[in-house]
């Protein structure tokens, strides 16, 4: 079976859900955000060239890494923020996909393994067709905003600005094959993760 994708809005608890799903029986879990960070620290020549072309030399450090802070500033200051993020996605995501496949090959992943790939912008970039099934972590919007403000030290306006460039948690949940409702204690989420893995092993493997 192809890997499953885990998605959800920012600060909804995707990482926590991923840990619980791994504990429940997934054999491998890959985080596309972490893969992206690795690429920013050690970018391909094509990625460096694209970054400079789109956002200038200031987003590349003297040692040829991508300056995340400078890039973020350019993206959120863009006249058309949606177009700016679309340009970034088209540049970065092919490189992320290639590195993901390389990592899976290194780990000798087989069709019999239960594999999970965390993709925060799964539906926004049209990657849902690359996976056997999709799982969305959902959280009430007010709780999501509060968590994002506390975690990242943001004002409410800044937190809402970040949410505005993503599909809502409600929309992600509606499009996913499976949903994990993160509106209570961690044990509530953990129980759902174990139930999901039991279902997958009984019905899909």
C-alpha atoms as a PDB file:
ATOM      1  CA  UNK A   1       0.000   0.000   0.000  1.00  0.00           C
ATOM      2  CA  UNK A   2       1.188   3.503  -0.757  1.00  0.00           C
ATOM      3  CA  UNK A   3       1.955   5.722   2.246  1.00  0.00           C
ATOM      4  CA  UNK A   4      -0.818   7.615   4.008  1.00  0.00           C
ATOM      5  CA  UNK A   5      -0.668  11.399   4.352  1.00  0.00           C
ATOM      6  CA  UNK A   6      -1.218  13.267   7.602  1.00  0.00           C
ATOM      7  CA  UNK A   7      -2.316  16.876   7.375  1.00  0.00           C
ATOM      8  CA  UNK A   8      -4.037  19.600   9.374  1.00  0.00           C
ATOM      9  CA  UNK A   9      -3.878  23.307  10.059  1.00  0.00           C
ATOM     10  CA  UNK A  10      -0.882  24.935  11.692  1.00  0.00           C
ATOM     11  CA  UNK A  11      -0.745  24.248  15.478  1.00  0.00           C
ATOM     12  CA  UNK A  12      -3.554  21.667  15.245  1.00  0.00           C
ATOM     13  CA  UNK A  13      -1.403  18.872  16.693  1.00  0.00           C
ATOM     14  CA  UNK A  14      -0.067  17.047  13.626  1.00  0.00           C
ATOM     15  CA  UNK A  15       3.284  16.253  15.228  1.00  0.00           C
ATOM     16  CA  UNK A  16       1.632  14.865  18.368  1.00  0.00           C
ATOM     17  CA  UNK A  17      -0.739  12.785  16.266  1.00  0.00           C
ATOM     18  CA  UNK A  18       2.204  11.506  14.244  1.00  0.00           C
ATOM     19  CA  UNK A  19       3.974  10.329  17.400  1.00  0.00           C
ATOM     20  CA  UNK A  20       0.823   8.549  18.567  1.00  0.00           C
ATOM     21  CA  UNK A  21       0.335   6.890  15.164  1.00  0.00           C
ATOM     22  CA  UNK A  22       3.933   5.691  15.210  1.00  0.00           C
ATOM     23  CA  UNK A  23       3.373   4.304  18.695  1.00  0.00           C
ATOM     24  CA  UNK A  24       0.173   2.634  17.499  1.00  0.00           C
ATOM     25  CA  UNK A  25       1.802   0.713  14.681  1.00  0.00           C
ATOM     26  CA  UNK A  26       3.097   2.785  11.781  1.00  0.00           C
ATOM     27  CA  UNK A  27       6.561   1.556  10.808  1.00  0.00           C
ATOM     28  CA  UNK A  28       7.877   4.839   9.387  1.00  0.00           C
ATOM     29  CA  UNK A  29       6.885   8.487   9.561  1.00  0.00           C
ATOM     30  CA  UNK A  30       8.317  11.284   7.441  1.00  0.00           C
ATOM     31  CA  UNK A  31       7.845  15.017   7.996  1.00  0.00           C
ATOM     32  CA  UNK A  32       7.909  17.086   4.817  1.00  0.00           C
ATOM     33  CA  UNK A  33       8.500  20.258   6.858  1.00  0.00           C
ATOM     34  CA  UNK A  34      11.664  18.687   8.302  1.00  0.00           C
ATOM     35  CA  UNK A  35      12.708  17.609   4.816  1.00  0.00           C
ATOM     36  CA  UNK A  36      12.127  21.176   3.622  1.00  0.00           C
ATOM     37  CA  UNK A  37      14.284  22.531   6.453  1.00  0.00           C
ATOM     38  CA  UNK A  38      17.060  20.135   5.425  1.00  0.00           C
ATOM     39  CA  UNK A  39      16.810  21.445   1.878  1.00  0.00           C
ATOM     40  CA  UNK A  40      16.985  25.045   3.118  1.00  0.00           C
ATOM     41  CA  UNK A  41      20.188  24.174   4.990  1.00  0.00           C
ATOM     42  CA  UNK A  42      21.656  22.248   2.056  1.00  0.00           C
ATOM     43  CA  UNK A  43      19.798  23.432  -1.054  1.00  0.00           C
ATOM     44  CA  UNK A  44      20.219  22.043  -4.530  1.00  0.00           C
ATOM     45  CA  UNK A  45      21.665  24.399  -7.141  1.00  0.00           C
ATOM     46  CA  UNK A  46      18.233  24.607  -8.777  1.00  0.00           C
ATOM     47  CA  UNK A  47      16.616  25.627  -5.488  1.00  0.00           C
ATOM     48  CA  UNK A  48      19.217  28.314  -4.829  1.00  0.00           C
ATOM     49  CA  UNK A  49      18.802  29.718  -8.322  1.00  0.00           C
ATOM     50  CA  UNK A  50      15.017  29.796  -8.006  1.00  0.00           C
ATOM     51  CA  UNK A  51      15.136  31.513  -4.628  1.00  0.00           C
ATOM     52  CA  UNK A  52      17.428  34.234  -5.945  1.00  0.00           C
ATOM     53  CA  UNK A  53      15.327  34.709  -9.064  1.00  0.00           C
ATOM     54  CA  UNK A  54      12.058  35.047  -7.140  1.00  0.00           C
ATOM     55  CA  UNK A  55      13.112  36.897  -3.987  1.00  0.00           C
ATOM     56  CA  UNK A  56      16.615  38.248  -4.491  1.00  0.00           C
ATOM     57  CA  UNK A  57      20.063  37.490  -3.111  1.00  0.00           C
ATOM     58  CA  UNK A  58      18.996  38.568   0.395  1.00  0.00           C
ATOM     59  CA  UNK A  59      17.169  35.279   0.991  1.00  0.00           C
ATOM     60  CA  UNK A  60      20.424  33.324   0.517  1.00  0.00           C
ATOM     61  CA  UNK A  61      23.112  33.438   3.229  1.00  0.00           C
ATOM     62  CA  UNK A  62      26.835  33.862   2.439  1.00  0.00           C
ATOM     63  CA  UNK A  63      27.337  30.119   2.997  1.00  0.00           C
ATOM     64  CA  UNK A  64      24.598  29.305   0.444  1.00  0.00           C
ATOM     65  CA  UNK A  65      21.769  28.412   2.781  1.00  0.00           C
ATOM     66  CA  UNK A  66      18.211  29.702   2.517  1.00  0.00           C
ATOM     67  CA  UNK A  67      17.564  32.450   5.070  1.00  0.00           C
ATOM     68  CA  UNK A  68      14.148  31.401   6.417  1.00  0.00           C
ATOM     69  CA  UNK A  69      13.525  34.668   8.259  1.00  0.00           C
ATOM     70  CA  UNK A  70      14.312  36.802   5.208  1.00  0.00           C
ATOM     71  CA  UNK A  71      12.221  34.560   2.967  1.00  0.00           C
ATOM     72  CA  UNK A  72       9.258  34.664   5.364  1.00  0.00           C
ATOM     73  CA  UNK A  73       9.467  38.449   5.504  1.00  0.00           C
ATOM     74  CA  UNK A  74       9.376  38.673   1.714  1.00  0.00           C
ATOM     75  CA  UNK A  75       6.450  36.248   1.455  1.00  0.00           C
ATOM     76  CA  UNK A  76       4.237  37.966   4.007  1.00  0.00           C
ATOM     77  CA  UNK A  77       5.081  41.412   2.620  1.00  0.00           C
ATOM     78  CA  UNK A  78       4.166  40.440  -0.948  1.00  0.00           C
ATOM     79  CA  UNK A  79       1.400  42.408  -2.637  1.00  0.00           C
ATOM     80  CA  UNK A  80      -0.279  39.127  -3.593  1.00  0.00           C
ATOM     81  CA  UNK A  81       0.550  36.732  -0.799  1.00  0.00           C
ATOM     82  CA  UNK A  82      -1.235  33.795  -2.422  1.00  0.00           C
ATOM     83  CA  UNK A  83       0.835  34.131  -5.601  1.00  0.00           C
ATOM     84  CA  UNK A  84       4.029  34.390  -3.566  1.00  0.00           C
ATOM     85  CA  UNK A  85       3.305  31.181  -1.654  1.00  0.00           C
ATOM     86  CA  UNK A  86       2.263  29.452  -4.877  1.00  0.00           C
ATOM     87  CA  UNK A  87       5.614  30.350  -6.428  1.00  0.00           C
ATOM     88  CA  UNK A  88       7.420  29.001  -3.360  1.00  0.00           C
ATOM     89  CA  UNK A  89       5.458  25.748  -3.444  1.00  0.00           C
ATOM     90  CA  UNK A  90       6.216  25.160  -7.124  1.00  0.00           C
ATOM     91  CA  UNK A  91       9.903  25.679  -6.425  1.00  0.00           C
ATOM     92  CA  UNK A  92      10.309  23.724  -3.195  1.00  0.00           C
ATOM     93  CA  UNK A  93       7.866  20.833  -3.360  1.00  0.00           C
ATOM     94  CA  UNK A  94       9.436  18.893  -6.265  1.00  0.00           C
ATOM     95  CA  UNK A  95      12.724  18.936  -4.351  1.00  0.00           C
ATOM     96  CA  UNK A  96      10.952  17.781  -1.183  1.00  0.00           C
ATOM     97  CA  UNK A  97       9.265  14.912  -3.035  1.00  0.00           C
ATOM     98  CA  UNK A  98      12.548  13.764  -4.522  1.00  0.00           C
ATOM     99  CA  UNK A  99      14.287  13.755  -1.127  1.00  0.00           C
ATOM    100  CA  UNK A 100      11.312  11.951   0.458  1.00  0.00           C
ATOM    101  CA  UNK A 101      11.610   9.128  -2.075  1.00  0.00           C
ATOM    102  CA  UNK A 102      15.350   8.927  -1.447  1.00  0.00           C
ATOM    103  CA  UNK A 103      14.770   8.620   2.315  1.00  0.00           C
ATOM    104  CA  UNK A 104      12.158   5.896   1.830  1.00  0.00           C
ATOM    105  CA  UNK A 105      14.568   4.001  -0.416  1.00  0.00           C
ATOM    106  CA  UNK A 106      17.309   4.295   2.215  1.00  0.00           C
ATOM    107  CA  UNK A 107      14.890   2.908   4.827  1.00  0.00           C
ATOM    108  CA  UNK A 108      13.994   0.009   2.512  1.00  0.00           C
ATOM    109  CA  UNK A 109      10.279   0.777   2.804  1.00  0.00           C
ATOM    110  CA  UNK A 110       8.077  -1.938   1.267  1.00  0.00           C
ATOM    111  CA  UNK A 111       4.423  -2.126   0.239  1.00  0.00           C
ATOM    112  CA  UNK A 112       3.703  -4.120   3.394  1.00  0.00           C
ATOM    113  CA  UNK A 113       4.862  -1.291   5.665  1.00  0.00           C
ATOM    114  CA  UNK A 114       2.398   1.142   7.198  1.00  0.00           C
ATOM    115  CA  UNK A 115       4.016   4.463   6.282  1.00  0.00           C
ATOM    116  CA  UNK A 116       2.901   7.984   7.183  1.00  0.00           C
ATOM    117  CA  UNK A 117       4.000  11.244   5.565  1.00  0.00           C
ATOM    118  CA  UNK A 118       3.158  14.520   7.305  1.00  0.00           C
ATOM    119  CA  UNK A 119       2.204  17.110   4.663  1.00  0.00           C
ATOM    120  CA  UNK A 120       0.795  20.326   6.197  1.00  0.00           C
ATOM    121  CA  UNK A 121      -0.285  21.774   2.815  1.00  0.00           C
ATOM    122  CA  UNK A 122      -1.470  18.461   1.398  1.00  0.00           C
ATOM    123  CA  UNK A 123      -4.671  19.695  -0.249  1.00  0.00           C
ATOM    124  CA  UNK A 124      -3.372  23.160  -1.077  1.00  0.00           C
ATOM    125  CA  UNK A 125      -0.641  21.719  -3.315  1.00  0.00           C
ATOM    126  CA  UNK A 126      -2.724  18.872  -4.723  1.00  0.00           C
ATOM    127  CA  UNK A 127      -0.649  16.067  -3.259  1.00  0.00           C
ATOM    128  CA  UNK A 128      -3.552  13.994  -1.939  1.00  0.00           C
ATOM    129  CA  UNK A 129      -3.468  11.767  -5.049  1.00  0.00           C
ATOM    130  CA  UNK A 130       0.099  10.697  -4.233  1.00  0.00           C
ATOM    131  CA  UNK A 131      -1.104   8.765  -1.152  1.00  0.00           C
ATOM    132  CA  UNK A 132      -3.399   5.821  -0.505  1.00  0.00           C
ATOM    133  CA  UNK A 133      -5.455   7.699   2.093  1.00  0.00           C
ATOM    134  CA  UNK A 134      -5.444  11.041   3.871  1.00  0.00           C
ATOM    135  CA  UNK A 135      -5.777  11.822   7.578  1.00  0.00           C
ATOM    136  CA  UNK A 136      -6.556  15.312   8.904  1.00  0.00           C
ATOM    137  CA  UNK A 137      -6.037  16.536  12.456  1.00  0.00           C
ATOM    138  CA  UNK A 138      -8.773  19.017  13.398  1.00  0.00           C
ATOM    139  CA  UNK A 139      -8.906  21.584  16.192  1.00  0.00           C
ATOM    140  CA  UNK A 140     -11.406  24.387  16.941  1.00  0.00           C
ATOM    141  CA  UNK A 141     -10.253  27.637  15.325  1.00  0.00           C
ATOM    142  CA  UNK A 142     -10.070  29.644  18.570  1.00  0.00           C
ATOM    143  CA  UNK A 143      -7.958  26.943  20.204  1.00  0.00           C
ATOM    144  CA  UNK A 144      -5.753  26.834  17.103  1.00  0.00           C
ATOM    145  CA  UNK A 145      -5.202  30.604  17.237  1.00  0.00           C
ATOM    146  CA  UNK A 146      -4.403  30.512  20.946  1.00  0.00           C
ATOM    147  CA  UNK A 147      -1.915  27.652  20.479  1.00  0.00           C
ATOM    148  CA  UNK A 148      -0.233  29.403  17.581  1.00  0.00           C
ATOM    149  CA  UNK A 149       0.088  32.659  19.527  1.00  0.00           C
ATOM    150  CA  UNK A 150       1.574  30.868  22.540  1.00  0.00           C
ATOM    151  CA  UNK A 151       3.881  28.587  20.540  1.00  0.00           C
ATOM    152  CA  UNK A 152       5.296  31.192  18.172  1.00  0.00           C
ATOM    153  CA  UNK A 153       4.998  34.317  20.324  1.00  0.00           C
ATOM    154  CA  UNK A 154       2.612  35.960  17.848  1.00  0.00           C
ATOM    155  CA  UNK A 155      -0.076  38.586  18.221  1.00  0.00           C
ATOM    156  CA  UNK A 156      -3.595  37.535  17.316  1.00  0.00           C
ATOM    157  CA  UNK A 157      -3.336  39.513  14.069  1.00  0.00           C
ATOM    158  CA  UNK A 158      -0.108  37.720  13.144  1.00  0.00           C
ATOM    159  CA  UNK A 159      -1.607  34.326  13.973  1.00  0.00           C
ATOM    160  CA  UNK A 160      -4.699  35.012  11.885  1.00  0.00           C
ATOM    161  CA  UNK A 161      -2.465  36.192   9.038  1.00  0.00           C
ATOM    162  CA  UNK A 162      -0.704  32.837   9.004  1.00  0.00           C
ATOM    163  CA  UNK A 163      -3.990  30.956   9.085  1.00  0.00           C
ATOM    164  CA  UNK A 164      -5.302  33.054   6.203  1.00  0.00           C
ATOM    165  CA  UNK A 165      -2.796  31.578   3.743  1.00  0.00           C
ATOM    166  CA  UNK A 166      -3.849  28.003   4.533  1.00  0.00           C
ATOM    167  CA  UNK A 167      -7.001  26.022   3.952  1.00  0.00           C
ATOM    168  CA  UNK A 168      -9.107  26.002   7.111  1.00  0.00           C
ATOM    169  CA  UNK A 169      -9.039  23.061   9.498  1.00  0.00           C
ATOM    170  CA  UNK A 170     -12.745  22.518   8.722  1.00  0.00           C
ATOM    171  CA  UNK A 171     -12.035  22.276   4.986  1.00  0.00           C
ATOM    172  CA  UNK A 172      -9.123  19.887   5.492  1.00  0.00           C
ATOM    173  CA  UNK A 173     -11.255  17.632   7.689  1.00  0.00           C
ATOM    174  CA  UNK A 174     -14.045  17.614   5.114  1.00  0.00           C
ATOM    175  CA  UNK A 175     -11.670  16.506   2.339  1.00  0.00           C
ATOM    176  CA  UNK A 176      -9.728  13.880   4.288  1.00  0.00           C
ATOM    177  CA  UNK A 177     -10.503  10.169   4.309  1.00  0.00           C
ATOM    178  CA  UNK A 178     -10.047  10.014   8.084  1.00  0.00           C
ATOM    179  CA  UNK A 179     -10.242  12.661  10.797  1.00  0.00           C
ATOM    180  CA  UNK A 180      -8.585  12.976  14.201  1.00  0.00           C
ATOM    181  CA  UNK A 181     -10.426  15.396  16.496  1.00  0.00           C
ATOM    182  CA  UNK A 182      -7.964  17.213  18.752  1.00  0.00           C
ATOM    183  CA  UNK A 183     -10.319  19.064  21.068  1.00  0.00           C
ATOM    184  CA  UNK A 184      -9.493  17.531  24.425  1.00  0.00           C
ATOM    185  CA  UNK A 185      -6.701  15.939  26.436  1.00  0.00           C
ATOM    186  CA  UNK A 186      -3.792  14.231  24.625  1.00  0.00           C
ATOM    187  CA  UNK A 187      -5.157  10.831  25.640  1.00  0.00           C
ATOM    188  CA  UNK A 188      -8.310  11.578  23.634  1.00  0.00           C
ATOM    189  CA  UNK A 189      -6.192  12.065  20.499  1.00  0.00           C
ATOM    190  CA  UNK A 190      -4.025   9.051  21.298  1.00  0.00           C
ATOM    191  CA  UNK A 191      -7.098   6.785  21.580  1.00  0.00           C
ATOM    192  CA  UNK A 192      -8.280   7.861  18.137  1.00  0.00           C
ATOM    193  CA  UNK A 193      -4.837   7.178  16.658  1.00  0.00           C
ATOM    194  CA  UNK A 194      -4.817   3.635  17.999  1.00  0.00           C
ATOM    195  CA  UNK A 195      -8.356   3.068  16.715  1.00  0.00           C
ATOM    196  CA  UNK A 196      -7.338   4.318  13.275  1.00  0.00           C
ATOM    197  CA  UNK A 197      -4.320   2.006  13.083  1.00  0.00           C
ATOM    198  CA  UNK A 198      -6.454  -0.948  14.159  1.00  0.00           C
ATOM    199  CA  UNK A 199      -8.932  -0.121  11.385  1.00  0.00           C
ATOM    200  CA  UNK A 200      -6.187   0.241   8.770  1.00  0.00           C
ATOM    201  CA  UNK A 201      -4.559  -3.059   9.685  1.00  0.00           C
ATOM    202  CA  UNK A 202      -7.891  -4.893   9.688  1.00  0.00           C
ATOM    203  CA  UNK A 203      -9.319  -3.449   6.495  1.00  0.00           C
ATOM    204  CA  UNK A 204      -6.563  -2.153   4.231  1.00  0.00           C
ATOM    205  CA  UNK A 205      -3.427  -4.235   4.743  1.00  0.00           C
END
